[in-house]
């Protein structure tokens, strides 16, 4: 298993995800979205697993600020995600080609 957790330290669900893997002694890599955004390939991989709509946090201040509700093009939304990591719902947990958005231990348990 090669677990990556993309999130922000202040996010409660990200903290719960880290705790989930720590308690089970599963090694993971934490990537702070405030410091390093997903690469284009990482975004493509996660998008293929969960869908673009599920990646965007419609409750975020950035969503409102950038007026994303008016954007129809998926390609434009992807560009905005690549340049504005605060738009992601967190945590994004990736295991190879598999990925989840949010806190979903029932899916992670199947990965073990």
PDB file of N, CA and C in Angstrom:
ATOM      1  N   UNK A   1       0.830  -1.180   0.000  1.00  0.00           N
ATOM      2  CA  UNK A   1       0.000   0.000   0.000  1.00  0.00           C
ATOM      3  C   UNK A   1       0.878   1.249   0.000  1.00  0.00           C
ATOM      4  N   UNK A   2       0.503   2.197  -0.830  1.00  0.00           N
ATOM      5  CA  UNK A   2       1.243   3.459  -0.918  1.00  0.00           C
ATOM      6  C   UNK A   2       0.232   4.587  -0.699  1.00  0.00           C
ATOM      7  N   UNK A   3      -0.021   4.916   0.551  1.00  0.00           N
ATOM      8  CA  UNK A   3      -1.059   5.881   0.905  1.00  0.00           C
ATOM      9  C   UNK A   3      -0.504   7.297   0.887  1.00  0.00           C
ATOM     10  N   UNK A   4      -1.235   8.189   0.244  1.00  0.00           N
ATOM     11  CA  UNK A   4      -0.932   9.608   0.278  1.00  0.00           C
ATOM     12  C   UNK A   4      -2.170  10.329   0.789  1.00  0.00           C
ATOM     13  N   UNK A   5      -1.973  11.239   1.739  1.00  0.00           N
ATOM     14  CA  UNK A   5      -3.073  12.049   2.245  1.00  0.00           C
ATOM     15  C   UNK A   5      -2.784  13.493   1.865  1.00  0.00           C
ATOM     16  N   UNK A   6      -3.636  14.049   1.020  1.00  0.00           N
ATOM     17  CA  UNK A   6      -3.543  15.457   0.652  1.00  0.00           C
ATOM     18  C   UNK A   6      -4.561  16.197   1.493  1.00  0.00           C
ATOM     19  N   UNK A   7      -4.103  17.197   2.239  1.00  0.00           N
ATOM     20  CA  UNK A   7      -5.021  17.940   3.087  1.00  0.00           C
ATOM     21  C   UNK A   7      -4.348  19.149   3.694  1.00  0.00           C
ATOM     22  N   UNK A   8      -5.024  19.713   4.681  1.00  0.00           N
ATOM     23  CA  UNK A   8      -4.461  20.842   5.422  1.00  0.00           C
ATOM     24  C   UNK A   8      -4.486  20.490   6.900  1.00  0.00           C
ATOM     25  N   UNK A   9      -3.471  20.935   7.616  1.00  0.00           N
ATOM     26  CA  UNK A   9      -3.321  20.565   9.028  1.00  0.00           C
ATOM     27  C   UNK A   9      -4.518  20.981   9.892  1.00  0.00           C
ATOM     28  N   UNK A  10      -5.189  22.070   9.554  1.00  0.00           N
ATOM     29  CA  UNK A  10      -6.290  22.564  10.372  1.00  0.00           C
ATOM     30  C   UNK A  10      -7.618  21.856  10.084  1.00  0.00           C
ATOM     31  N   UNK A  11      -7.666  21.030   9.052  1.00  0.00           N
ATOM     32  CA  UNK A  11      -8.906  20.332   8.683  1.00  0.00           C
ATOM     33  C   UNK A  11      -9.141  19.144   9.629  1.00  0.00           C
ATOM     34  N   UNK A  12     -10.291  19.129  10.269  1.00  0.00           N
ATOM     35  CA  UNK A  12     -10.625  18.081  11.226  1.00  0.00           C
ATOM     36  C   UNK A  12     -10.665  16.705  10.555  1.00  0.00           C
ATOM     37  N   UNK A  13     -11.268  16.611   9.358  1.00  0.00           N
ATOM     38  CA  UNK A  13     -11.342  15.317   8.666  1.00  0.00           C
ATOM     39  C   UNK A  13      -9.957  14.831   8.234  1.00  0.00           C
ATOM     40  N   UNK A  14      -9.071  15.744   7.894  1.00  0.00           N
ATOM     41  CA  UNK A  14      -7.694  15.366   7.549  1.00  0.00           C
ATOM     42  C   UNK A  14      -7.002  14.788   8.777  1.00  0.00           C
ATOM     43  N   UNK A  15      -7.197  15.420   9.916  1.00  0.00           N
ATOM     44  CA  UNK A  15      -6.611  14.916  11.160  1.00  0.00           C
ATOM     45  C   UNK A  15      -7.151  13.530  11.487  1.00  0.00           C
ATOM     46  N   UNK A  16      -8.451  13.323  11.283  1.00  0.00           N
ATOM     47  CA  UNK A  16      -9.050  12.004  11.543  1.00  0.00           C
ATOM     48  C   UNK A  16      -8.480  10.952  10.591  1.00  0.00           C
ATOM     49  N   UNK A  17      -8.254  11.332   9.334  1.00  0.00           N
ATOM     50  CA  UNK A  17      -7.686  10.394   8.356  1.00  0.00           C
ATOM     51  C   UNK A  17      -6.277   9.993   8.772  1.00  0.00           C
ATOM     52  N   UNK A  18      -5.470  10.971   9.191  1.00  0.00           N
ATOM     53  CA  UNK A  18      -4.116  10.652   9.654  1.00  0.00           C
ATOM     54  C   UNK A  18      -4.172   9.712  10.853  1.00  0.00           C
ATOM     55  N   UNK A  19      -5.066   9.986  11.776  1.00  0.00           N
ATOM     56  CA  UNK A  19      -5.206   9.155  12.967  1.00  0.00           C
ATOM     57  C   UNK A  19      -5.608   7.726  12.582  1.00  0.00           C
ATOM     58  N   UNK A  20      -6.519   7.599  11.606  1.00  0.00           N
ATOM     59  CA  UNK A  20      -6.967   6.280  11.146  1.00  0.00           C
ATOM     60  C   UNK A  20      -5.777   5.430  10.711  1.00  0.00           C
ATOM     61  N   UNK A  21      -4.898   5.992   9.886  1.00  0.00           N
ATOM     62  CA  UNK A  21      -3.762   5.225   9.375  1.00  0.00           C
ATOM     63  C   UNK A  21      -2.691   5.016  10.443  1.00  0.00           C
ATOM     64  N   UNK A  22      -2.489   5.994  11.311  1.00  0.00           N
ATOM     65  CA  UNK A  22      -1.521   5.835  12.408  1.00  0.00           C
ATOM     66  C   UNK A  22      -1.930   4.705  13.335  1.00  0.00           C
ATOM     67  N   UNK A  23      -3.208   4.674  13.710  1.00  0.00           N
ATOM     68  CA  UNK A  23      -3.692   3.652  14.640  1.00  0.00           C
ATOM     69  C   UNK A  23      -3.526   2.248  14.080  1.00  0.00           C
ATOM     70  N   UNK A  24      -3.567   2.095  12.773  1.00  0.00           N
ATOM     71  CA  UNK A  24      -3.428   0.789  12.141  1.00  0.00           C
ATOM     72  C   UNK A  24      -1.995   0.517  11.686  1.00  0.00           C
ATOM     73  N   UNK A  25      -1.101   1.435  12.074  1.00  0.00           N
ATOM     74  CA  UNK A  25       0.328   1.339  11.715  1.00  0.00           C
ATOM     75  C   UNK A  25       0.535   1.160  10.210  1.00  0.00           C
ATOM     76  N   UNK A  26      -0.262   1.917   9.440  1.00  0.00           N
ATOM     77  CA  UNK A  26      -0.126   1.920   7.988  1.00  0.00           C
ATOM     78  C   UNK A  26       0.660   3.168   7.613  1.00  0.00           C
ATOM     79  N   UNK A  27       1.764   2.965   6.926  1.00  0.00           N
ATOM     80  CA  UNK A  27       2.592   4.099   6.534  1.00  0.00           C
ATOM     81  C   UNK A  27       1.844   4.940   5.502  1.00  0.00           C
ATOM     82  N   UNK A  28       1.991   6.242   5.631  1.00  0.00           N
ATOM     83  CA  UNK A  28       1.363   7.152   4.681  1.00  0.00           C
ATOM     84  C   UNK A  28       2.253   8.376   4.521  1.00  0.00           C
ATOM     85  N   UNK A  29       2.007   9.094   3.456  1.00  0.00           N
ATOM     86  CA  UNK A  29       2.725  10.341   3.200  1.00  0.00           C
ATOM     87  C   UNK A  29       1.693  11.458   3.269  1.00  0.00           C
ATOM     88  N   UNK A  30       1.962  12.480   4.088  1.00  0.00           N
ATOM     89  CA  UNK A  30       1.062  13.622   4.193  1.00  0.00           C
ATOM     90  C   UNK A  30       1.582  14.752   3.323  1.00  0.00           C
ATOM     91  N   UNK A  31       0.708  15.291   2.475  1.00  0.00           N
ATOM     92  CA  UNK A  31       1.059  16.429   1.637  1.00  0.00           C
ATOM     93  C   UNK A  31       0.134  17.577   2.022  1.00  0.00           C
ATOM     94  N   UNK A  32       0.722  18.657   2.539  1.00  0.00           N
ATOM     95  CA  UNK A  32      -0.038  19.831   2.956  1.00  0.00           C
ATOM     96  C   UNK A  32      -0.357  20.671   1.720  1.00  0.00           C
ATOM     97  N   UNK A  33      -1.649  20.783   1.416  1.00  0.00           N
ATOM     98  CA  UNK A  33      -2.061  21.519   0.225  1.00  0.00           C
ATOM     99  C   UNK A  33      -1.751  23.008   0.318  1.00  0.00           C
ATOM    100  N   UNK A  34      -1.524  23.518   1.508  1.00  0.00           N
ATOM    101  CA  UNK A  34      -1.142  24.919   1.643  1.00  0.00           C
ATOM    102  C   UNK A  34       0.301  25.154   1.197  1.00  0.00           C
ATOM    103  N   UNK A  35       1.087  24.080   1.172  1.00  0.00           N
ATOM    104  CA  UNK A  35       2.492  24.204   0.795  1.00  0.00           C
ATOM    105  C   UNK A  35       2.776  23.644  -0.594  1.00  0.00           C
ATOM    106  N   UNK A  36       2.058  22.588  -0.974  1.00  0.00           N
ATOM    107  CA  UNK A  36       2.323  21.939  -2.258  1.00  0.00           C
ATOM    108  C   UNK A  36       1.008  21.434  -2.845  1.00  0.00           C
ATOM    109  N   UNK A  37       0.678  21.910  -4.017  1.00  0.00           N
ATOM    110  CA  UNK A  37      -0.562  21.495  -4.680  1.00  0.00           C
ATOM    111  C   UNK A  37      -0.357  20.167  -5.416  1.00  0.00           C
ATOM    112  N   UNK A  38      -1.449  19.547  -5.823  1.00  0.00           N
ATOM    113  CA  UNK A  38      -1.373  18.331  -6.622  1.00  0.00           C
ATOM    114  C   UNK A  38      -0.773  18.671  -7.981  1.00  0.00           C
ATOM    115  N   UNK A  39      -0.001  17.740  -8.512  1.00  0.00           N
ATOM    116  CA  UNK A  39       0.505  17.918  -9.874  1.00  0.00           C
ATOM    117  C   UNK A  39      -0.637  17.600 -10.839  1.00  0.00           C
ATOM    118  N   UNK A  40      -0.433  17.924 -12.090  1.00  0.00           N
ATOM    119  CA  UNK A  40      -1.471  17.659 -13.106  1.00  0.00           C
ATOM    120  C   UNK A  40      -1.788  16.163 -13.177  1.00  0.00           C
ATOM    121  N   UNK A  41      -0.753  15.324 -13.134  1.00  0.00           N
ATOM    122  CA  UNK A  41      -0.975  13.865 -13.193  1.00  0.00           C
ATOM    123  C   UNK A  41      -1.685  13.343 -11.943  1.00  0.00           C
ATOM    124  N   UNK A  42      -1.309  13.872 -10.784  1.00  0.00           N
ATOM    125  CA  UNK A  42      -1.983  13.465  -9.546  1.00  0.00           C
ATOM    126  C   UNK A  42      -3.455  13.844  -9.609  1.00  0.00           C
ATOM    127  N   UNK A  43      -3.728  15.047 -10.093  1.00  0.00           N
ATOM    128  CA  UNK A  43      -5.120  15.491 -10.227  1.00  0.00           C
ATOM    129  C   UNK A  43      -5.880  14.588 -11.190  1.00  0.00           C
ATOM    130  N   UNK A  44      -5.278  14.237 -12.310  1.00  0.00           N
ATOM    131  CA  UNK A  44      -5.933  13.352 -13.286  1.00  0.00           C
ATOM    132  C   UNK A  44      -6.240  11.993 -12.669  1.00  0.00           C
ATOM    133  N   UNK A  45      -5.302  11.461 -11.904  1.00  0.00           N
ATOM    134  CA  UNK A  45      -5.489  10.169 -11.256  1.00  0.00           C
ATOM    135  C   UNK A  45      -6.638  10.208 -10.240  1.00  0.00           C
ATOM    136  N   UNK A  46      -6.648  11.238  -9.403  1.00  0.00           N
ATOM    137  CA  UNK A  46      -7.693  11.357  -8.389  1.00  0.00           C
ATOM    138  C   UNK A  46      -9.040  11.632  -9.048  1.00  0.00           C
ATOM    139  N   UNK A  47      -9.040  12.489 -10.060  1.00  0.00           N
ATOM    140  CA  UNK A  47     -10.285  12.800 -10.775  1.00  0.00           C
ATOM    141  C   UNK A  47     -10.885  11.545 -11.411  1.00  0.00           C
ATOM    142  N   UNK A  48     -10.044  10.693 -11.978  1.00  0.00           N
ATOM    143  CA  UNK A  48     -10.523   9.456 -12.597  1.00  0.00           C
ATOM    144  C   UNK A  48     -11.187   8.547 -11.563  1.00  0.00           C
ATOM    145  N   UNK A  49     -10.687   8.585 -10.329  1.00  0.00           N
ATOM    146  CA  UNK A  49     -11.223   7.721  -9.274  1.00  0.00           C
ATOM    147  C   UNK A  49     -12.500   8.270  -8.638  1.00  0.00           C
ATOM    148  N   UNK A  50     -12.588   9.596  -8.469  1.00  0.00           N
ATOM    149  CA  UNK A  50     -13.719  10.152  -7.708  1.00  0.00           C
ATOM    150  C   UNK A  50     -14.595  11.129  -8.484  1.00  0.00           C
ATOM    151  N   UNK A  51     -14.123  11.605  -9.628  1.00  0.00           N
ATOM    152  CA  UNK A  51     -14.882  12.568 -10.406  1.00  0.00           C
ATOM    153  C   UNK A  51     -14.523  13.998 -10.031  1.00  0.00           C
ATOM    154  N   UNK A  52     -14.554  14.879 -11.012  1.00  0.00           N
ATOM    155  CA  UNK A  52     -14.154  16.269 -10.798  1.00  0.00           C
ATOM    156  C   UNK A  52     -15.085  16.993  -9.835  1.00  0.00           C
ATOM    157  N   UNK A  53     -16.376  16.772  -9.963  1.00  0.00           N
ATOM    158  CA  UNK A  53     -17.352  17.468  -9.117  1.00  0.00           C
ATOM    159  C   UNK A  53     -17.114  17.185  -7.632  1.00  0.00           C
ATOM    160  N   UNK A  54     -16.706  15.966  -7.308  1.00  0.00           N
ATOM    161  CA  UNK A  54     -16.472  15.590  -5.911  1.00  0.00           C
ATOM    162  C   UNK A  54     -15.213  16.221  -5.318  1.00  0.00           C
ATOM    163  N   UNK A  55     -14.327  16.698  -6.164  1.00  0.00           N
ATOM    164  CA  UNK A  55     -13.078  17.296  -5.680  1.00  0.00           C
ATOM    165  C   UNK A  55     -13.243  18.732  -5.211  1.00  0.00           C
ATOM    166  N   UNK A  56     -14.244  19.419  -5.753  1.00  0.00           N
ATOM    167  CA  UNK A  56     -14.388  20.853  -5.497  1.00  0.00           C
ATOM    168  C   UNK A  56     -15.263  21.095  -4.276  1.00  0.00           C
ATOM    169  N   UNK A  57     -14.729  21.874  -3.345  1.00  0.00           N
ATOM    170  CA  UNK A  57     -15.454  22.236  -2.125  1.00  0.00           C
ATOM    171  C   UNK A  57     -16.313  23.470  -2.410  1.00  0.00           C
ATOM    172  N   UNK A  58     -17.585  23.245  -2.630  1.00  0.00           N
ATOM    173  CA  UNK A  58     -18.495  24.336  -2.981  1.00  0.00           C
ATOM    174  C   UNK A  58     -18.768  25.267  -1.798  1.00  0.00           C
ATOM    175  N   UNK A  59     -18.348  24.884  -0.603  1.00  0.00           N
ATOM    176  CA  UNK A  59     -18.551  25.717   0.579  1.00  0.00           C
ATOM    177  C   UNK A  59     -17.342  26.598   0.892  1.00  0.00           C
ATOM    178  N   UNK A  60     -16.269  26.446   0.115  1.00  0.00           N
ATOM    179  CA  UNK A  60     -15.050  27.207   0.399  1.00  0.00           C
ATOM    180  C   UNK A  60     -15.186  28.663  -0.036  1.00  0.00           C
ATOM    181  N   UNK A  61     -14.429  29.509   0.627  1.00  0.00           N
ATOM    182  CA  UNK A  61     -14.418  30.938   0.284  1.00  0.00           C
ATOM    183  C   UNK A  61     -13.878  31.137  -1.130  1.00  0.00           C
ATOM    184  N   UNK A  62     -12.900  30.318  -1.514  1.00  0.00           N
ATOM    185  CA  UNK A  62     -12.307  30.417  -2.851  1.00  0.00           C
ATOM    186  C   UNK A  62     -13.341  30.123  -3.939  1.00  0.00           C
ATOM    187  N   UNK A  63     -14.238  29.168  -3.673  1.00  0.00           N
ATOM    188  CA  UNK A  63     -15.284  28.804  -4.641  1.00  0.00           C
ATOM    189  C   UNK A  63     -16.147  30.019  -4.949  1.00  0.00           C
ATOM    190  N   UNK A  64     -16.544  30.725  -3.896  1.00  0.00           N
ATOM    191  CA  UNK A  64     -17.382  31.911  -4.063  1.00  0.00           C
ATOM    192  C   UNK A  64     -16.578  33.038  -4.711  1.00  0.00           C
ATOM    193  N   UNK A  65     -15.368  33.233  -4.224  1.00  0.00           N
ATOM    194  CA  UNK A  65     -14.511  34.317  -4.710  1.00  0.00           C
ATOM    195  C   UNK A  65     -14.232  34.186  -6.210  1.00  0.00           C
ATOM    196  N   UNK A  66     -13.976  32.964  -6.667  1.00  0.00           N
ATOM    197  CA  UNK A  66     -13.653  32.731  -8.074  1.00  0.00           C
ATOM    198  C   UNK A  66     -14.888  32.525  -8.943  1.00  0.00           C
ATOM    199  N   UNK A  67     -16.072  32.518  -8.318  1.00  0.00           N
ATOM    200  CA  UNK A  67     -17.350  32.375  -9.024  1.00  0.00           C
ATOM    201  C   UNK A  67     -17.370  31.112  -9.894  1.00  0.00           C
ATOM    202  N   UNK A  68     -16.961  30.014  -9.330  1.00  0.00           N
ATOM    203  CA  UNK A  68     -16.829  28.762 -10.071  1.00  0.00           C
ATOM    204  C   UNK A  68     -18.180  28.189 -10.490  1.00  0.00           C
ATOM    205  N   UNK A  69     -19.224  28.529  -9.773  1.00  0.00           N
ATOM    206  CA  UNK A  69     -20.557  28.035 -10.129  1.00  0.00           C
ATOM    207  C   UNK A  69     -20.927  28.427 -11.562  1.00  0.00           C
ATOM    208  N   UNK A  70     -20.370  29.515 -12.054  1.00  0.00           N
ATOM    209  CA  UNK A  70     -20.679  29.994 -13.409  1.00  0.00           C
ATOM    210  C   UNK A  70     -19.832  29.334 -14.490  1.00  0.00           C
ATOM    211  N   UNK A  71     -18.795  28.620 -14.100  1.00  0.00           N
ATOM    212  CA  UNK A  71     -17.886  28.005 -15.069  1.00  0.00           C
ATOM    213  C   UNK A  71     -18.437  26.646 -15.499  1.00  0.00           C
ATOM    214  N   UNK A  72     -18.557  26.460 -16.781  1.00  0.00           N
ATOM    215  CA  UNK A  72     -19.098  25.203 -17.326  1.00  0.00           C
ATOM    216  C   UNK A  72     -18.004  24.232 -17.767  1.00  0.00           C
ATOM    217  N   UNK A  73     -16.867  24.744 -18.153  1.00  0.00           N
ATOM    218  CA  UNK A  73     -15.795  23.924 -18.710  1.00  0.00           C
ATOM    219  C   UNK A  73     -15.048  23.155 -17.620  1.00  0.00           C
ATOM    220  N   UNK A  74     -15.005  21.820 -17.749  1.00  0.00           N
ATOM    221  CA  UNK A  74     -14.246  21.002 -16.801  1.00  0.00           C
ATOM    222  C   UNK A  74     -12.760  21.315 -16.876  1.00  0.00           C
ATOM    223  N   UNK A  75     -12.282  21.619 -18.076  1.00  0.00           N
ATOM    224  CA  UNK A  75     -10.868  21.938 -18.245  1.00  0.00           C
ATOM    225  C   UNK A  75     -10.509  23.210 -17.465  1.00  0.00           C
ATOM    226  N   UNK A  76     -11.396  24.188 -17.490  1.00  0.00           N
ATOM    227  CA  UNK A  76     -11.159  25.435 -16.752  1.00  0.00           C
ATOM    228  C   UNK A  76     -11.194  25.169 -15.244  1.00  0.00           C
ATOM    229  N   UNK A  77     -12.112  24.308 -14.797  1.00  0.00           N
ATOM    230  CA  UNK A  77     -12.197  23.962 -13.379  1.00  0.00           C
ATOM    231  C   UNK A  77     -10.928  23.251 -12.921  1.00  0.00           C
ATOM    232  N   UNK A  78     -10.394  22.368 -13.774  1.00  0.00           N
ATOM    233  CA  UNK A  78      -9.142  21.676 -13.439  1.00  0.00           C
ATOM    234  C   UNK A  78      -7.998  22.666 -13.282  1.00  0.00           C
ATOM    235  N   UNK A  79      -7.915  23.630 -14.189  1.00  0.00           N
ATOM    236  CA  UNK A  79      -6.869  24.649 -14.100  1.00  0.00           C
ATOM    237  C   UNK A  79      -6.989  25.431 -12.793  1.00  0.00           C
ATOM    238  N   UNK A  80      -8.216  25.761 -12.408  1.00  0.00           N
ATOM    239  CA  UNK A  80      -8.439  26.482 -11.157  1.00  0.00           C
ATOM    240  C   UNK A  80      -8.024  25.633  -9.955  1.00  0.00           C
ATOM    241  N   UNK A  81      -8.322  24.332 -10.007  1.00  0.00           N
ATOM    242  CA  UNK A  81      -7.908  23.437  -8.920  1.00  0.00           C
ATOM    243  C   UNK A  81      -6.389  23.361  -8.809  1.00  0.00           C
ATOM    244  N   UNK A  82      -5.720  23.272  -9.944  1.00  0.00           N
ATOM    245  CA  UNK A  82      -4.260  23.186  -9.938  1.00  0.00           C
ATOM    246  C   UNK A  82      -3.621  24.442  -9.346  1.00  0.00           C
ATOM    247  N   UNK A  83      -4.267  25.593  -9.558  1.00  0.00           N
ATOM    248  CA  UNK A  83      -3.698  26.859  -9.102  1.00  0.00           C
ATOM    249  C   UNK A  83      -4.256  27.352  -7.774  1.00  0.00           C
ATOM    250  N   UNK A  84      -5.314  26.714  -7.269  1.00  0.00           N
ATOM    251  CA  UNK A  84      -5.949  27.143  -6.018  1.00  0.00           C
ATOM    252  C   UNK A  84      -6.251  25.934  -5.142  1.00  0.00           C
ATOM    253  N   UNK A  85      -5.266  25.423  -4.425  1.00  0.00           N
ATOM    254  CA  UNK A  85      -5.466  24.209  -3.631  1.00  0.00           C
ATOM    255  C   UNK A  85      -6.530  24.353  -2.539  1.00  0.00           C
ATOM    256  N   UNK A  86      -6.930  25.571  -2.206  1.00  0.00           N
ATOM    257  CA  UNK A  86      -7.971  25.754  -1.192  1.00  0.00           C
ATOM    258  C   UNK A  86      -9.352  25.361  -1.717  1.00  0.00           C
ATOM    259  N   UNK A  87      -9.454  25.043  -3.000  1.00  0.00           N
ATOM    260  CA  UNK A  87     -10.726  24.623  -3.591  1.00  0.00           C
ATOM    261  C   UNK A  87     -11.043  23.143  -3.337  1.00  0.00           C
ATOM    262  N   UNK A  88     -10.036  22.370  -2.950  1.00  0.00           N
ATOM    263  CA  UNK A  88     -10.248  20.934  -2.769  1.00  0.00           C
ATOM    264  C   UNK A  88     -11.039  20.635  -1.506  1.00  0.00           C
ATOM    265  N   UNK A  89     -11.911  19.629  -1.606  1.00  0.00           N
ATOM    266  CA  UNK A  89     -12.479  19.027  -0.402  1.00  0.00           C
ATOM    267  C   UNK A  89     -11.354  18.191   0.184  1.00  0.00           C
ATOM    268  N   UNK A  90     -11.233  18.196   1.483  1.00  0.00           N
ATOM    269  CA  UNK A  90     -10.143  17.437   2.093  1.00  0.00           C
ATOM    270  C   UNK A  90     -10.683  16.469   3.129  1.00  0.00           C
ATOM    271  N   UNK A  91      -9.961  15.410   3.415  1.00  0.00           N
ATOM    272  CA  UNK A  91      -8.707  15.008   2.792  1.00  0.00           C
ATOM    273  C   UNK A  91      -8.941  14.258   1.484  1.00  0.00           C
ATOM    274  N   UNK A  92      -7.955  14.319   0.619  1.00  0.00           N
ATOM    275  CA  UNK A  92      -7.895  13.465  -0.562  1.00  0.00           C
ATOM    276  C   UNK A  92      -6.941  12.346  -0.170  1.00  0.00           C
ATOM    277  N   UNK A  93      -7.427  11.130  -0.158  1.00  0.00           N
ATOM    278  CA  UNK A  93      -6.586   9.990   0.224  1.00  0.00           C
ATOM    279  C   UNK A  93      -6.424   9.121  -1.013  1.00  0.00           C
ATOM    280  N   UNK A  94      -5.178   8.868  -1.354  1.00  0.00           N
ATOM    281  CA  UNK A  94      -4.872   8.140  -2.587  1.00  0.00           C
ATOM    282  C   UNK A  94      -4.067   6.894  -2.282  1.00  0.00           C
ATOM    283  N   UNK A  95      -4.430   5.813  -2.937  1.00  0.00           N
ATOM    284  CA  UNK A  95      -3.706   4.549  -2.855  1.00  0.00           C
ATOM    285  C   UNK A  95      -3.544   4.041  -4.279  1.00  0.00           C
ATOM    286  N   UNK A  96      -2.458   4.429  -4.924  1.00  0.00           N
ATOM    287  CA  UNK A  96      -2.262   4.073  -6.330  1.00  0.00           C
ATOM    288  C   UNK A  96      -3.318   4.741  -7.190  1.00  0.00           C
ATOM    289  N   UNK A  97      -4.099   3.929  -7.908  1.00  0.00           N
ATOM    290  CA  UNK A  97      -5.153   4.479  -8.765  1.00  0.00           C
ATOM    291  C   UNK A  97      -6.470   4.661  -8.016  1.00  0.00           C
ATOM    292  N   UNK A  98      -6.531   4.196  -6.780  1.00  0.00           N
ATOM    293  CA  UNK A  98      -7.727   4.357  -5.959  1.00  0.00           C
ATOM    294  C   UNK A  98      -7.632   5.660  -5.182  1.00  0.00           C
ATOM    295  N   UNK A  99      -8.777   6.289  -4.947  1.00  0.00           N
ATOM    296  CA  UNK A  99      -8.770   7.542  -4.193  1.00  0.00           C
ATOM    297  C   UNK A  99     -10.130   7.770  -3.549  1.00  0.00           C
ATOM    298  N   UNK A 100     -10.113   8.566  -2.478  1.00  0.00           N
ATOM    299  CA  UNK A 100     -11.343   8.971  -1.809  1.00  0.00           C
ATOM    300  C   UNK A 100     -11.251  10.452  -1.477  1.00  0.00           C
ATOM    301  N   UNK A 101     -12.416  11.047  -1.258  1.00  0.00           N
ATOM    302  CA  UNK A 101     -12.495  12.436  -0.824  1.00  0.00           C
ATOM    303  C   UNK A 101     -13.258  12.438   0.487  1.00  0.00           C
ATOM    304  N   UNK A 102     -12.696  13.098   1.498  1.00  0.00           N
ATOM    305  CA  UNK A 102     -13.333  13.143   2.803  1.00  0.00           C
ATOM    306  C   UNK A 102     -12.888  11.978   3.676  1.00  0.00           C
ATOM    307  N   UNK A 103     -13.566  11.852   4.798  1.00  0.00           N
ATOM    308  CA  UNK A 103     -13.237  10.794   5.762  1.00  0.00           C
ATOM    309  C   UNK A 103     -14.107   9.580   5.470  1.00  0.00           C
ATOM    310  N   UNK A 104     -13.533   8.540   4.879  1.00  0.00           N
ATOM    311  CA  UNK A 104     -14.288   7.343   4.509  1.00  0.00           C
ATOM    312  C   UNK A 104     -13.546   6.060   4.909  1.00  0.00           C
ATOM    313  N   UNK A 105     -13.495   5.764   6.217  1.00  0.00           N
ATOM    314  CA  UNK A 105     -12.746   4.599   6.692  1.00  0.00           C
ATOM    315  C   UNK A 105     -13.278   3.270   6.154  1.00  0.00           C
ATOM    316  N   UNK A 106     -14.558   3.219   5.791  1.00  0.00           N
ATOM    317  CA  UNK A 106     -15.102   1.958   5.261  1.00  0.00           C
ATOM    318  C   UNK A 106     -14.443   1.583   3.934  1.00  0.00           C
ATOM    319  N   UNK A 107     -14.063   2.557   3.140  1.00  0.00           N
ATOM    320  CA  UNK A 107     -13.342   2.294   1.880  1.00  0.00           C
ATOM    321  C   UNK A 107     -11.885   1.952   2.167  1.00  0.00           C
ATOM    322  N   UNK A 108     -11.259   2.706   3.083  1.00  0.00           N
ATOM    323  CA  UNK A 108      -9.853   2.475   3.405  1.00  0.00           C
ATOM    324  C   UNK A 108      -9.655   1.082   3.993  1.00  0.00           C
ATOM    325  N   UNK A 109     -10.621   0.595   4.753  1.00  0.00           N
ATOM    326  CA  UNK A 109     -10.531  -0.739   5.350  1.00  0.00           C
ATOM    327  C   UNK A 109     -10.432  -1.814   4.275  1.00  0.00           C
ATOM    328  N   UNK A 110     -11.086  -1.604   3.148  1.00  0.00           N
ATOM    329  CA  UNK A 110     -11.031  -2.557   2.026  1.00  0.00           C
ATOM    330  C   UNK A 110      -9.669  -2.544   1.351  1.00  0.00           C
ATOM    331  N   UNK A 111      -8.897  -1.467   1.530  1.00  0.00           N
ATOM    332  CA  UNK A 111      -7.566  -1.378   0.920  1.00  0.00           C
ATOM    333  C   UNK A 111      -6.536  -2.196   1.666  1.00  0.00           C
ATOM    334  N   UNK A 112      -6.803  -2.498   2.935  1.00  0.00           N
ATOM    335  CA  UNK A 112      -5.800  -3.181   3.773  1.00  0.00           C
ATOM    336  C   UNK A 112      -5.572  -4.618   3.352  1.00  0.00           C
TER     337      UNK A 112
END
